[in-house]
Amino acid sequence: MGSIASTDIGVKVNLAQAIWIQEEFPVEAEFVNTNQAFYDAEVSNLDFGKTKAVDVINTWAKTHTNGKIDKFIDHLDPNTVLFLQIPFILRAFGNLNLIRKIPGSQTFI
């Protein structure tokens, strides 16, 4: 019996991260720097009280998922002070019959 490491199964994960912070909401510089340095997150200010905020977030998701996710959210509560956005695309390719036989494997989506 072969292990997963010795099969022709491949997985590709595309991951992007953004942190949207309400304009004029105080955030420590260390928080911003840590998220940019360790998680490669884009950190930006946004006015959640304006309707265009939803468009900005959805456009960012569409751009960073190559058009796969074009509507990340429908609306935002105007009292929102921070919005963490992590869209990801997971693609598995290879021997799908073998993947189905892996104990505990389930359909993802």
PDB file of N, CA and C in Angstrom:
ATOM      1  N   MET A   1       0.852  -1.160   0.000  1.00  0.00           N
ATOM      2  CA  MET A   1       0.000   0.000   0.000  1.00  0.00           C
ATOM      3  C   MET A   1       0.905   1.232   0.000  1.00  0.00           C
ATOM      4  N   GLY A   2       0.655   2.150  -0.918  1.00  0.00           N
ATOM      5  CA  GLY A   2       1.478   3.360  -1.013  1.00  0.00           C
ATOM      6  C   GLY A   2       0.964   4.467  -0.107  1.00  0.00           C
ATOM      7  N   SER A   3       1.818   5.360   0.197  1.00  0.00           N
ATOM      8  CA  SER A   3       1.406   6.512   0.996  1.00  0.00           C
ATOM      9  C   SER A   3       1.049   7.664   0.065  1.00  0.00           C
ATOM     10  N   ILE A   4       0.378   8.637   0.592  1.00  0.00           N
ATOM     11  CA  ILE A   4      -0.018   9.786  -0.219  1.00  0.00           C
ATOM     12  C   ILE A   4       1.206  10.476  -0.809  1.00  0.00           C
ATOM     13  N   ALA A   5       2.273  10.503  -0.070  1.00  0.00           N
ATOM     14  CA  ALA A   5       3.486  11.180  -0.534  1.00  0.00           C
ATOM     15  C   ALA A   5       4.081  10.516  -1.767  1.00  0.00           C
ATOM     16  N   SER A   6       3.806   9.219  -1.964  1.00  0.00           N
ATOM     17  CA  SER A   6       4.397   8.522  -3.098  1.00  0.00           C
ATOM     18  C   SER A   6       3.452   8.421  -4.289  1.00  0.00           C
ATOM     19  N   THR A   7       2.296   9.085  -4.245  1.00  0.00           N
ATOM     20  CA  THR A   7       1.347   9.028  -5.352  1.00  0.00           C
ATOM     21  C   THR A   7       1.517  10.240  -6.248  1.00  0.00           C
ATOM     22  N   ASP A   8       0.695  10.270  -7.294  1.00  0.00           N
ATOM     23  CA  ASP A   8       0.754  11.409  -8.207  1.00  0.00           C
ATOM     24  C   ASP A   8      -0.307  12.455  -7.865  1.00  0.00           C
ATOM     25  N   ILE A   9      -0.714  12.511  -6.620  1.00  0.00           N
ATOM     26  CA  ILE A   9      -1.695  13.505  -6.185  1.00  0.00           C
ATOM     27  C   ILE A   9      -0.995  14.844  -6.020  1.00  0.00           C
ATOM     28  N   GLY A  10      -1.614  15.884  -6.515  1.00  0.00           N
ATOM     29  CA  GLY A  10      -1.068  17.225  -6.336  1.00  0.00           C
ATOM     30  C   GLY A  10      -2.135  18.146  -5.780  1.00  0.00           C
ATOM     31  N   VAL A  11      -1.720  19.121  -5.038  1.00  0.00           N
ATOM     32  CA  VAL A  11      -2.641  20.095  -4.467  1.00  0.00           C
ATOM     33  C   VAL A  11      -2.063  21.481  -4.697  1.00  0.00           C
ATOM     34  N   LYS A  12      -2.913  22.379  -5.115  1.00  0.00           N
ATOM     35  CA  LYS A  12      -2.497  23.766  -5.286  1.00  0.00           C
ATOM     36  C   LYS A  12      -3.432  24.641  -4.460  1.00  0.00           C
ATOM     37  N   VAL A  13      -2.857  25.466  -3.625  1.00  0.00           N
ATOM     38  CA  VAL A  13      -3.638  26.366  -2.790  1.00  0.00           C
ATOM     39  C   VAL A  13      -3.226  27.797  -3.101  1.00  0.00           C
ATOM     40  N   ASN A  14      -4.195  28.601  -3.449  1.00  0.00           N
ATOM     41  CA  ASN A  14      -3.966  30.036  -3.623  1.00  0.00           C
ATOM     42  C   ASN A  14      -4.615  30.738  -2.439  1.00  0.00           C
ATOM     43  N   LEU A  15      -3.843  31.526  -1.743  1.00  0.00           N
ATOM     44  CA  LEU A  15      -4.313  32.169  -0.526  1.00  0.00           C
ATOM     45  C   LEU A  15      -3.939  33.644  -0.548  1.00  0.00           C
ATOM     46  N   ALA A  16      -4.880  34.483  -0.193  1.00  0.00           N
ATOM     47  CA  ALA A  16      -4.619  35.920  -0.088  1.00  0.00           C
ATOM     48  C   ALA A  16      -5.248  36.415   1.211  1.00  0.00           C
ATOM     49  N   GLN A  17      -4.673  37.454   1.774  1.00  0.00           N
ATOM     50  CA  GLN A  17      -5.194  37.976   3.030  1.00  0.00           C
ATOM     51  C   GLN A  17      -5.240  39.492   3.001  1.00  0.00           C
ATOM     52  N   ALA A  18      -6.347  40.019   3.483  1.00  0.00           N
ATOM     53  CA  ALA A  18      -6.485  41.469   3.614  1.00  0.00           C
ATOM     54  C   ALA A  18      -7.119  41.776   4.959  1.00  0.00           C
ATOM     55  N   ILE A  19      -6.686  42.866   5.531  1.00  0.00           N
ATOM     56  CA  ILE A  19      -7.300  43.364   6.755  1.00  0.00           C
ATOM     57  C   ILE A  19      -7.769  44.776   6.453  1.00  0.00           C
ATOM     58  N   TRP A  20      -9.065  44.969   6.580  1.00  0.00           N
ATOM     59  CA  TRP A  20      -9.669  46.272   6.335  1.00  0.00           C
ATOM     60  C   TRP A  20      -9.997  46.874   7.698  1.00  0.00           C
ATOM     61  N   ILE A  21      -9.532  48.089   7.936  1.00  0.00           N
ATOM     62  CA  ILE A  21      -9.714  48.749   9.222  1.00  0.00           C
ATOM     63  C   ILE A  21     -10.520  50.026   9.007  1.00  0.00           C
ATOM     64  N   GLN A  22     -11.531  50.209   9.859  1.00  0.00           N
ATOM     65  CA  GLN A  22     -12.345  51.421   9.776  1.00  0.00           C
ATOM     66  C   GLN A  22     -11.452  52.658   9.846  1.00  0.00           C
ATOM     67  N   GLU A  23     -11.698  53.584   8.933  1.00  0.00           N
ATOM     68  CA  GLU A  23     -10.927  54.829   8.929  1.00  0.00           C
ATOM     69  C   GLU A  23     -10.966  55.469  10.307  1.00  0.00           C
ATOM     70  N   GLU A  24      -9.837  55.954  10.741  1.00  0.00           N
ATOM     71  CA  GLU A  24      -9.657  56.638  12.014  1.00  0.00           C
ATOM     72  C   GLU A  24      -9.802  55.726  13.236  1.00  0.00           C
ATOM     73  N   PHE A  25      -9.926  54.409  13.030  1.00  0.00           N
ATOM     74  CA  PHE A  25      -9.944  53.484  14.170  1.00  0.00           C
ATOM     75  C   PHE A  25      -8.493  53.233  14.578  1.00  0.00           C
ATOM     76  N   PRO A  26      -8.175  53.420  15.860  1.00  0.00           N
ATOM     77  CA  PRO A  26      -6.777  53.282  16.286  1.00  0.00           C
ATOM     78  C   PRO A  26      -6.310  51.826  16.294  1.00  0.00           C
ATOM     79  N   VAL A  27      -5.221  51.573  15.599  1.00  0.00           N
ATOM     80  CA  VAL A  27      -4.627  50.235  15.546  1.00  0.00           C
ATOM     81  C   VAL A  27      -3.129  50.391  15.794  1.00  0.00           C
ATOM     82  N   GLU A  28      -2.599  49.516  16.625  1.00  0.00           N
ATOM     83  CA  GLU A  28      -1.167  49.555  16.923  1.00  0.00           C
ATOM     84  C   GLU A  28      -0.354  49.245  15.667  1.00  0.00           C
ATOM     85  N   ALA A  29       0.724  49.957  15.478  1.00  0.00           N
ATOM     86  CA  ALA A  29       1.611  49.724  14.335  1.00  0.00           C
ATOM     87  C   ALA A  29       2.155  48.302  14.348  1.00  0.00           C
ATOM     88  N   GLU A  30       2.381  47.748  15.522  1.00  0.00           N
ATOM     89  CA  GLU A  30       2.891  46.377  15.630  1.00  0.00           C
ATOM     90  C   GLU A  30       1.910  45.374  15.026  1.00  0.00           C
ATOM     91  N   PHE A  31       0.607  45.601  15.209  1.00  0.00           N
ATOM     92  CA  PHE A  31      -0.419  44.737  14.626  1.00  0.00           C
ATOM     93  C   PHE A  31      -0.313  44.751  13.103  1.00  0.00           C
ATOM     94  N   VAL A  32      -0.227  45.935  12.546  1.00  0.00           N
ATOM     95  CA  VAL A  32      -0.124  46.084  11.094  1.00  0.00           C
ATOM     96  C   VAL A  32       1.163  45.447  10.584  1.00  0.00           C
ATOM     97  N   ASN A  33       2.281  45.774  11.203  1.00  0.00           N
ATOM     98  CA  ASN A  33       3.581  45.253  10.765  1.00  0.00           C
ATOM     99  C   ASN A  33       3.658  43.739  10.858  1.00  0.00           C
ATOM    100  N   THR A  34       3.134  43.164  11.936  1.00  0.00           N
ATOM    101  CA  THR A  34       3.154  41.707  12.111  1.00  0.00           C
ATOM    102  C   THR A  34       2.350  41.019  11.020  1.00  0.00           C
ATOM    103  N   ASN A  35       1.160  41.534  10.727  1.00  0.00           N
ATOM    104  CA  ASN A  35       0.323  40.911   9.698  1.00  0.00           C
ATOM    105  C   ASN A  35       0.914  41.057   8.306  1.00  0.00           C
ATOM    106  N   GLN A  36       1.572  42.157   8.050  1.00  0.00           N
ATOM    107  CA  GLN A  36       2.224  42.325   6.751  1.00  0.00           C
ATOM    108  C   GLN A  36       3.450  41.425   6.630  1.00  0.00           C
ATOM    109  N   ALA A  37       4.243  41.348   7.679  1.00  0.00           N
ATOM    110  CA  ALA A  37       5.499  40.596   7.624  1.00  0.00           C
ATOM    111  C   ALA A  37       5.297  39.087   7.665  1.00  0.00           C
ATOM    112  N   PHE A  38       4.451  38.604   8.569  1.00  0.00           N
ATOM    113  CA  PHE A  38       4.325  37.163   8.763  1.00  0.00           C
ATOM    114  C   PHE A  38       3.237  36.517   7.917  1.00  0.00           C
ATOM    115  N   TYR A  39       2.199  37.267   7.575  1.00  0.00           N
ATOM    116  CA  TYR A  39       1.073  36.692   6.835  1.00  0.00           C
ATOM    117  C   TYR A  39       0.917  37.287   5.446  1.00  0.00           C
ATOM    118  N   ASP A  40       1.807  38.193   5.069  1.00  0.00           N
ATOM    119  CA  ASP A  40       1.755  38.847   3.768  1.00  0.00           C
ATOM    120  C   ASP A  40       0.383  39.481   3.519  1.00  0.00           C
ATOM    121  N   ALA A  41      -0.221  39.976   4.588  1.00  0.00           N
ATOM    122  CA  ALA A  41      -1.549  40.577   4.496  1.00  0.00           C
ATOM    123  C   ALA A  41      -1.456  42.007   3.985  1.00  0.00           C
ATOM    124  N   GLU A  42      -2.447  42.366   3.197  1.00  0.00           N
ATOM    125  CA  GLU A  42      -2.597  43.757   2.795  1.00  0.00           C
ATOM    126  C   GLU A  42      -3.461  44.423   3.859  1.00  0.00           C
ATOM    127  N   VAL A  43      -2.994  45.507   4.412  1.00  0.00           N
ATOM    128  CA  VAL A  43      -3.726  46.214   5.461  1.00  0.00           C
ATOM    129  C   VAL A  43      -4.094  47.596   4.937  1.00  0.00           C
ATOM    130  N   SER A  44      -5.407  47.896   4.958  1.00  0.00           N
ATOM    131  CA  SER A  44      -5.884  49.170   4.412  1.00  0.00           C
ATOM    132  C   SER A  44      -7.012  49.725   5.267  1.00  0.00           C
ATOM    133  N   ASN A  45      -7.175  51.033   5.192  1.00  0.00           N
ATOM    134  CA  ASN A  45      -8.306  51.689   5.841  1.00  0.00           C
ATOM    135  C   ASN A  45      -9.467  51.759   4.867  1.00  0.00           C
ATOM    136  N   LEU A  46     -10.684  51.682   5.423  1.00  0.00           N
ATOM    137  CA  LEU A  46     -11.890  51.703   4.611  1.00  0.00           C
ATOM    138  C   LEU A  46     -13.020  52.265   5.460  1.00  0.00           C
ATOM    139  N   ASP A  47     -13.899  53.041   4.878  1.00  0.00           N
ATOM    140  CA  ASP A  47     -15.056  53.569   5.598  1.00  0.00           C
ATOM    141  C   ASP A  47     -16.203  52.584   5.437  1.00  0.00           C
ATOM    142  N   PHE A  48     -16.452  51.770   6.465  1.00  0.00           N
ATOM    143  CA  PHE A  48     -17.485  50.739   6.399  1.00  0.00           C
ATOM    144  C   PHE A  48     -18.894  51.317   6.349  1.00  0.00           C
ATOM    145  N   GLY A  49     -19.048  52.588   6.656  1.00  0.00           N
ATOM    146  CA  GLY A  49     -20.356  53.229   6.606  1.00  0.00           C
ATOM    147  C   GLY A  49     -20.799  53.581   5.196  1.00  0.00           C
ATOM    148  N   LYS A  50     -19.886  53.532   4.249  1.00  0.00           N
ATOM    149  CA  LYS A  50     -20.223  53.858   2.859  1.00  0.00           C
ATOM    150  C   LYS A  50     -20.518  52.579   2.080  1.00  0.00           C
ATOM    151  N   THR A  51     -21.475  52.663   1.170  1.00  0.00           N
ATOM    152  CA  THR A  51     -21.871  51.487   0.395  1.00  0.00           C
ATOM    153  C   THR A  51     -20.753  50.975  -0.500  1.00  0.00           C
ATOM    154  N   LYS A  52     -19.832  51.840  -0.897  1.00  0.00           N
ATOM    155  CA  LYS A  52     -18.744  51.398  -1.775  1.00  0.00           C
ATOM    156  C   LYS A  52     -17.782  50.446  -1.069  1.00  0.00           C
ATOM    157  N   ALA A  53     -17.823  50.363   0.258  1.00  0.00           N
ATOM    158  CA  ALA A  53     -16.925  49.470   0.994  1.00  0.00           C
ATOM    159  C   ALA A  53     -17.134  48.017   0.571  1.00  0.00           C
ATOM    160  N   VAL A  54     -18.383  47.617   0.373  1.00  0.00           N
ATOM    161  CA  VAL A  54     -18.680  46.253  -0.082  1.00  0.00           C
ATOM    162  C   VAL A  54     -18.066  46.021  -1.458  1.00  0.00           C
ATOM    163  N   ASP A  55     -18.182  46.990  -2.344  1.00  0.00           N
ATOM    164  CA  ASP A  55     -17.599  46.866  -3.685  1.00  0.00           C
ATOM    165  C   ASP A  55     -16.080  46.751  -3.626  1.00  0.00           C
ATOM    166  N   VAL A  56     -15.457  47.522  -2.753  1.00  0.00           N
ATOM    167  CA  VAL A  56     -13.998  47.472  -2.613  1.00  0.00           C
ATOM    168  C   VAL A  56     -13.559  46.078  -2.168  1.00  0.00           C
ATOM    169  N   ILE A  57     -14.236  45.520  -1.177  1.00  0.00           N
ATOM    170  CA  ILE A  57     -13.887  44.190  -0.659  1.00  0.00           C
ATOM    171  C   ILE A  57     -14.140  43.112  -1.707  1.00  0.00           C
ATOM    172  N   ASN A  58     -15.270  43.185  -2.398  1.00  0.00           N
ATOM    173  CA  ASN A  58     -15.577  42.190  -3.428  1.00  0.00           C
ATOM    174  C   ASN A  58     -14.625  42.284  -4.617  1.00  0.00           C
ATOM    175  N   THR A  59     -14.262  43.488  -5.015  1.00  0.00           N
ATOM    176  CA  THR A  59     -13.303  43.659  -6.110  1.00  0.00           C
ATOM    177  C   THR A  59     -11.947  43.092  -5.722  1.00  0.00           C
ATOM    178  N   TRP A  60     -11.531  43.318  -4.481  1.00  0.00           N
ATOM    179  CA  TRP A  60     -10.256  42.777  -4.001  1.00  0.00           C
ATOM    180  C   TRP A  60     -10.281  41.247  -4.073  1.00  0.00           C
ATOM    181  N   ALA A  61     -11.384  40.638  -3.630  1.00  0.00           N
ATOM    182  CA  ALA A  61     -11.494  39.174  -3.666  1.00  0.00           C
ATOM    183  C   ALA A  61     -11.446  38.660  -5.099  1.00  0.00           C
ATOM    184  N   LYS A  62     -12.161  39.306  -5.986  1.00  0.00           N
ATOM    185  CA  LYS A  62     -12.175  38.875  -7.388  1.00  0.00           C
ATOM    186  C   LYS A  62     -10.779  38.956  -7.996  1.00  0.00           C
ATOM    187  N   THR A  63     -10.078  40.037  -7.721  1.00  0.00           N
ATOM    188  CA  THR A  63      -8.725  40.227  -8.246  1.00  0.00           C
ATOM    189  C   THR A  63      -7.764  39.173  -7.706  1.00  0.00           C
ATOM    190  N   HIS A  64      -7.849  38.886  -6.418  1.00  0.00           N
ATOM    191  CA  HIS A  64      -6.887  37.986  -5.778  1.00  0.00           C
ATOM    192  C   HIS A  64      -7.243  36.505  -5.894  1.00  0.00           C
ATOM    193  N   THR A  65      -8.393  36.194  -6.526  1.00  0.00           N
ATOM    194  CA  THR A  65      -8.745  34.795  -6.788  1.00  0.00           C
ATOM    195  C   THR A  65      -8.901  34.551  -8.287  1.00  0.00           C
ATOM    196  N   ASN A  66      -8.329  35.437  -9.084  1.00  0.00           N
ATOM    197  CA  ASN A  66      -8.410  35.325 -10.547  1.00  0.00           C
ATOM    198  C   ASN A  66      -9.845  35.167 -11.037  1.00  0.00           C
ATOM    199  N   GLY A  67     -10.758  35.908 -10.422  1.00  0.00           N
ATOM    200  CA  GLY A  67     -12.151  35.906 -10.850  1.00  0.00           C
ATOM    201  C   GLY A  67     -12.989  34.763 -10.327  1.00  0.00           C
ATOM    202  N   LYS A  68     -12.427  33.873  -9.545  1.00  0.00           N
ATOM    203  CA  LYS A  68     -13.175  32.718  -9.040  1.00  0.00           C
ATOM    204  C   LYS A  68     -14.191  33.115  -7.966  1.00  0.00           C
ATOM    205  N   ILE A  69     -13.874  34.135  -7.173  1.00  0.00           N
ATOM    206  CA  ILE A  69     -14.798  34.631  -6.151  1.00  0.00           C
ATOM    207  C   ILE A  69     -15.089  36.085  -6.496  1.00  0.00           C
ATOM    208  N   ASP A  70     -16.310  36.339  -6.978  1.00  0.00           N
ATOM    209  CA  ASP A  70     -16.618  37.718  -7.355  1.00  0.00           C
ATOM    210  C   ASP A  70     -17.537  38.411  -6.355  1.00  0.00           C
ATOM    211  N   LYS A  71     -18.113  37.644  -5.442  1.00  0.00           N
ATOM    212  CA  LYS A  71     -18.965  38.242  -4.410  1.00  0.00           C
ATOM    213  C   LYS A  71     -18.601  37.609  -3.073  1.00  0.00           C
ATOM    214  N   PHE A  72     -17.756  38.278  -2.336  1.00  0.00           N
ATOM    215  CA  PHE A  72     -17.274  37.774  -1.050  1.00  0.00           C
ATOM    216  C   PHE A  72     -18.270  38.091   0.062  1.00  0.00           C
ATOM    217  N   ILE A  73     -18.888  39.275   0.001  1.00  0.00           N
ATOM    218  CA  ILE A  73     -19.880  39.685   1.002  1.00  0.00           C
ATOM    219  C   ILE A  73     -21.030  40.420   0.328  1.00  0.00           C
ATOM    220  N   ASP A  74     -22.178  40.459   1.025  1.00  0.00           N
ATOM    221  CA  ASP A  74     -23.354  41.183   0.535  1.00  0.00           C
ATOM    222  C   ASP A  74     -23.467  42.573   1.148  1.00  0.00           C
ATOM    223  N   HIS A  75     -23.124  42.660   2.425  1.00  0.00           N
ATOM    224  CA  HIS A  75     -23.260  43.929   3.138  1.00  0.00           C
ATOM    225  C   HIS A  75     -22.315  43.949   4.338  1.00  0.00           C
ATOM    226  N   LEU A  76     -22.130  45.123   4.881  1.00  0.00           N
ATOM    227  CA  LEU A  76     -21.327  45.309   6.091  1.00  0.00           C
ATOM    228  C   LEU A  76     -22.146  46.074   7.114  1.00  0.00           C
ATOM    229  N   ASP A  77     -22.014  45.688   8.354  1.00  0.00           N
ATOM    230  CA  ASP A  77     -22.606  46.461   9.438  1.00  0.00           C
ATOM    231  C   ASP A  77     -21.810  47.764   9.548  1.00  0.00           C
ATOM    232  N   PRO A  78     -22.472  48.909   9.570  1.00  0.00           N
ATOM    233  CA  PRO A  78     -21.733  50.171   9.650  1.00  0.00           C
ATOM    234  C   PRO A  78     -20.930  50.324  10.943  1.00  0.00           C
ATOM    235  N   ASN A  79     -21.190  49.482  11.935  1.00  0.00           N
ATOM    236  CA  ASN A  79     -20.430  49.520  13.188  1.00  0.00           C
ATOM    237  C   ASN A  79     -19.170  48.662  13.137  1.00  0.00           C
ATOM    238  N   THR A  80     -18.897  48.053  11.999  1.00  0.00           N
ATOM    239  CA  THR A  80     -17.697  47.229  11.840  1.00  0.00           C
ATOM    240  C   THR A  80     -16.459  48.100  12.006  1.00  0.00           C
ATOM    241  N   VAL A  81     -15.474  47.588  12.744  1.00  0.00           N
ATOM    242  CA  VAL A  81     -14.222  48.331  12.898  1.00  0.00           C
ATOM    243  C   VAL A  81     -13.047  47.618  12.244  1.00  0.00           C
ATOM    244  N   LEU A  82     -13.169  46.298  12.033  1.00  0.00           N
ATOM    245  CA  LEU A  82     -12.093  45.550  11.386  1.00  0.00           C
ATOM    246  C   LEU A  82     -12.705  44.371  10.641  1.00  0.00           C
ATOM    247  N   PHE A  83     -12.232  44.138   9.424  1.00  0.00           N
ATOM    248  CA  PHE A  83     -12.735  43.033   8.608  1.00  0.00           C
ATOM    249  C   PHE A  83     -11.537  42.253   8.087  1.00  0.00           C
ATOM    250  N   LEU A  84     -11.462  40.986   8.464  1.00  0.00           N
ATOM    251  CA  LEU A  84     -10.386  40.106   8.012  1.00  0.00           C
ATOM    252  C   LEU A  84     -10.903  39.293   6.838  1.00  0.00           C
ATOM    253  N   GLN A  85     -10.193  39.352   5.730  1.00  0.00           N
ATOM    254  CA  GLN A  85     -10.621  38.690   4.495  1.00  0.00           C
ATOM    255  C   GLN A  85      -9.552  37.702   4.063  1.00  0.00           C
ATOM    256  N   ILE A  86      -9.942  36.416   3.995  1.00  0.00           N
ATOM    257  CA  ILE A  86      -8.996  35.385   3.568  1.00  0.00           C
ATOM    258  C   ILE A  86      -9.683  34.463   2.553  1.00  0.00           C
ATOM    259  N   PRO A  87      -9.789  34.884   1.311  1.00  0.00           N
ATOM    260  CA  PRO A  87     -10.313  33.968   0.299  1.00  0.00           C
ATOM    261  C   PRO A  87      -9.215  32.994  -0.125  1.00  0.00           C
ATOM    262  N   PHE A  88      -9.596  31.758  -0.394  1.00  0.00           N
ATOM    263  CA  PHE A  88      -8.596  30.819  -0.894  1.00  0.00           C
ATOM    264  C   PHE A  88      -9.213  29.891  -1.916  1.00  0.00           C
ATOM    265  N   ILE A  89      -8.375  29.424  -2.802  1.00  0.00           N
ATOM    266  CA  ILE A  89      -8.763  28.466  -3.830  1.00  0.00           C
ATOM    267  C   ILE A  89      -7.930  27.215  -3.603  1.00  0.00           C
ATOM    268  N   LEU A  90      -8.596  26.086  -3.503  1.00  0.00           N
ATOM    269  CA  LEU A  90      -7.922  24.807  -3.295  1.00  0.00           C
ATOM    270  C   LEU A  90      -8.217  23.927  -4.501  1.00  0.00           C
ATOM    271  N   ARG A  91      -7.161  23.497  -5.169  1.00  0.00           N
ATOM    272  CA  ARG A  91      -7.323  22.606  -6.319  1.00  0.00           C
ATOM    273  C   ARG A  91      -6.520  21.350  -6.071  1.00  0.00           C
ATOM    274  N   ALA A  92      -7.190  20.210  -6.204  1.00  0.00           N
ATOM    275  CA  ALA A  92      -6.504  18.926  -6.084  1.00  0.00           C
ATOM    276  C   ALA A  92      -6.560  18.253  -7.449  1.00  0.00           C
ATOM    277  N   PHE A  93      -5.471  17.653  -7.831  1.00  0.00           N
ATOM    278  CA  PHE A  93      -5.433  16.962  -9.109  1.00  0.00           C
ATOM    279  C   PHE A  93      -4.577  15.715  -8.950  1.00  0.00           C
ATOM    280  N   GLY A  94      -4.827  14.764  -9.795  1.00  0.00           N
ATOM    281  CA  GLY A  94      -4.091  13.508  -9.712  1.00  0.00           C
ATOM    282  C   GLY A  94      -5.064  12.346  -9.770  1.00  0.00           C
ATOM    283  N   ASN A  95      -4.772  11.294  -9.060  1.00  0.00           N
ATOM    284  CA  ASN A  95      -5.574  10.082  -9.055  1.00  0.00           C
ATOM    285  C   ASN A  95      -6.762  10.257  -8.113  1.00  0.00           C
ATOM    286  N   LEU A  96      -7.922  10.676  -8.657  1.00  0.00           N
ATOM    287  CA  LEU A  96      -9.090  10.947  -7.827  1.00  0.00           C
ATOM    288  C   LEU A  96      -9.649   9.689  -7.180  1.00  0.00           C
ATOM    289  N   ASN A  97      -9.509   8.530  -7.828  1.00  0.00           N
ATOM    290  CA  ASN A  97      -9.972   7.290  -7.202  1.00  0.00           C
ATOM    291  C   ASN A  97      -9.194   7.010  -5.926  1.00  0.00           C
ATOM    292  N   LEU A  98      -7.910   7.292  -5.930  1.00  0.00           N
ATOM    293  CA  LEU A  98      -7.099   7.099  -4.734  1.00  0.00           C
ATOM    294  C   LEU A  98      -7.505   8.090  -3.648  1.00  0.00           C
ATOM    295  N   ILE A  99      -7.780   9.329  -4.037  1.00  0.00           N
ATOM    296  CA  ILE A  99      -8.202  10.330  -3.058  1.00  0.00           C
ATOM    297  C   ILE A  99      -9.489   9.893  -2.373  1.00  0.00           C
ATOM    298  N   ARG A 100     -10.428   9.332  -3.127  1.00  0.00           N
ATOM    299  CA  ARG A 100     -11.701   8.887  -2.549  1.00  0.00           C
ATOM    300  C   ARG A 100     -11.508   7.753  -1.548  1.00  0.00           C
ATOM    301  N   LYS A 101     -10.428   6.995  -1.657  1.00  0.00           N
ATOM    302  CA  LYS A 101     -10.189   5.865  -0.763  1.00  0.00           C
ATOM    303  C   LYS A 101      -9.422   6.249   0.494  1.00  0.00           C
ATOM    304  N   ILE A 102      -8.969   7.486   0.578  1.00  0.00           N
ATOM    305  CA  ILE A 102      -8.229   7.917   1.759  1.00  0.00           C
ATOM    306  C   ILE A 102      -9.199   7.978   2.931  1.00  0.00           C
ATOM    307  N   PRO A 103      -8.894   7.284   4.038  1.00  0.00           N
ATOM    308  CA  PRO A 103      -9.805   7.292   5.192  1.00  0.00           C
ATOM    309  C   PRO A 103     -10.058   8.717   5.676  1.00  0.00           C
ATOM    310  N   GLY A 104     -11.328   9.022   5.897  1.00  0.00           N
ATOM    311  CA  GLY A 104     -11.685  10.338   6.414  1.00  0.00           C
ATOM    312  C   GLY A 104     -11.797  11.412   5.350  1.00  0.00           C
ATOM    313  N   SER A 105     -11.539  11.066   4.077  1.00  0.00           N
ATOM    314  CA  SER A 105     -11.638  12.097   3.045  1.00  0.00           C
ATOM    315  C   SER A 105     -13.105  12.382   2.753  1.00  0.00           C
ATOM    316  N   GLN A 106     -13.399  13.633   2.505  1.00  0.00           N
ATOM    317  CA  GLN A 106     -14.759  14.055   2.226  1.00  0.00           C
ATOM    318  C   GLN A 106     -14.739  15.082   1.111  1.00  0.00           C
ATOM    319  N   THR A 107     -15.885  15.275   0.509  1.00  0.00           N
ATOM    320  CA  THR A 107     -16.001  16.303  -0.511  1.00  0.00           C
ATOM    321  C   THR A 107     -15.863  17.664   0.142  1.00  0.00           C
ATOM    322  N   PHE A 108     -15.074  18.504  -0.453  1.00  0.00           N
ATOM    323  CA  PHE A 108     -14.854  19.848   0.068  1.00  0.00           C
ATOM    324  C   PHE A 108     -15.512  20.839  -0.861  1.00  0.00           C
ATOM    325  N   ILE A 109     -16.401  21.632  -0.371  1.00  0.00           N
ATOM    326  CA  ILE A 109     -17.088  22.740  -1.040  1.00  0.00           C
ATOM    327  C   ILE A 109     -18.503  22.792  -0.553  1.00  0.00           C
TER     328      ILE A 109
END
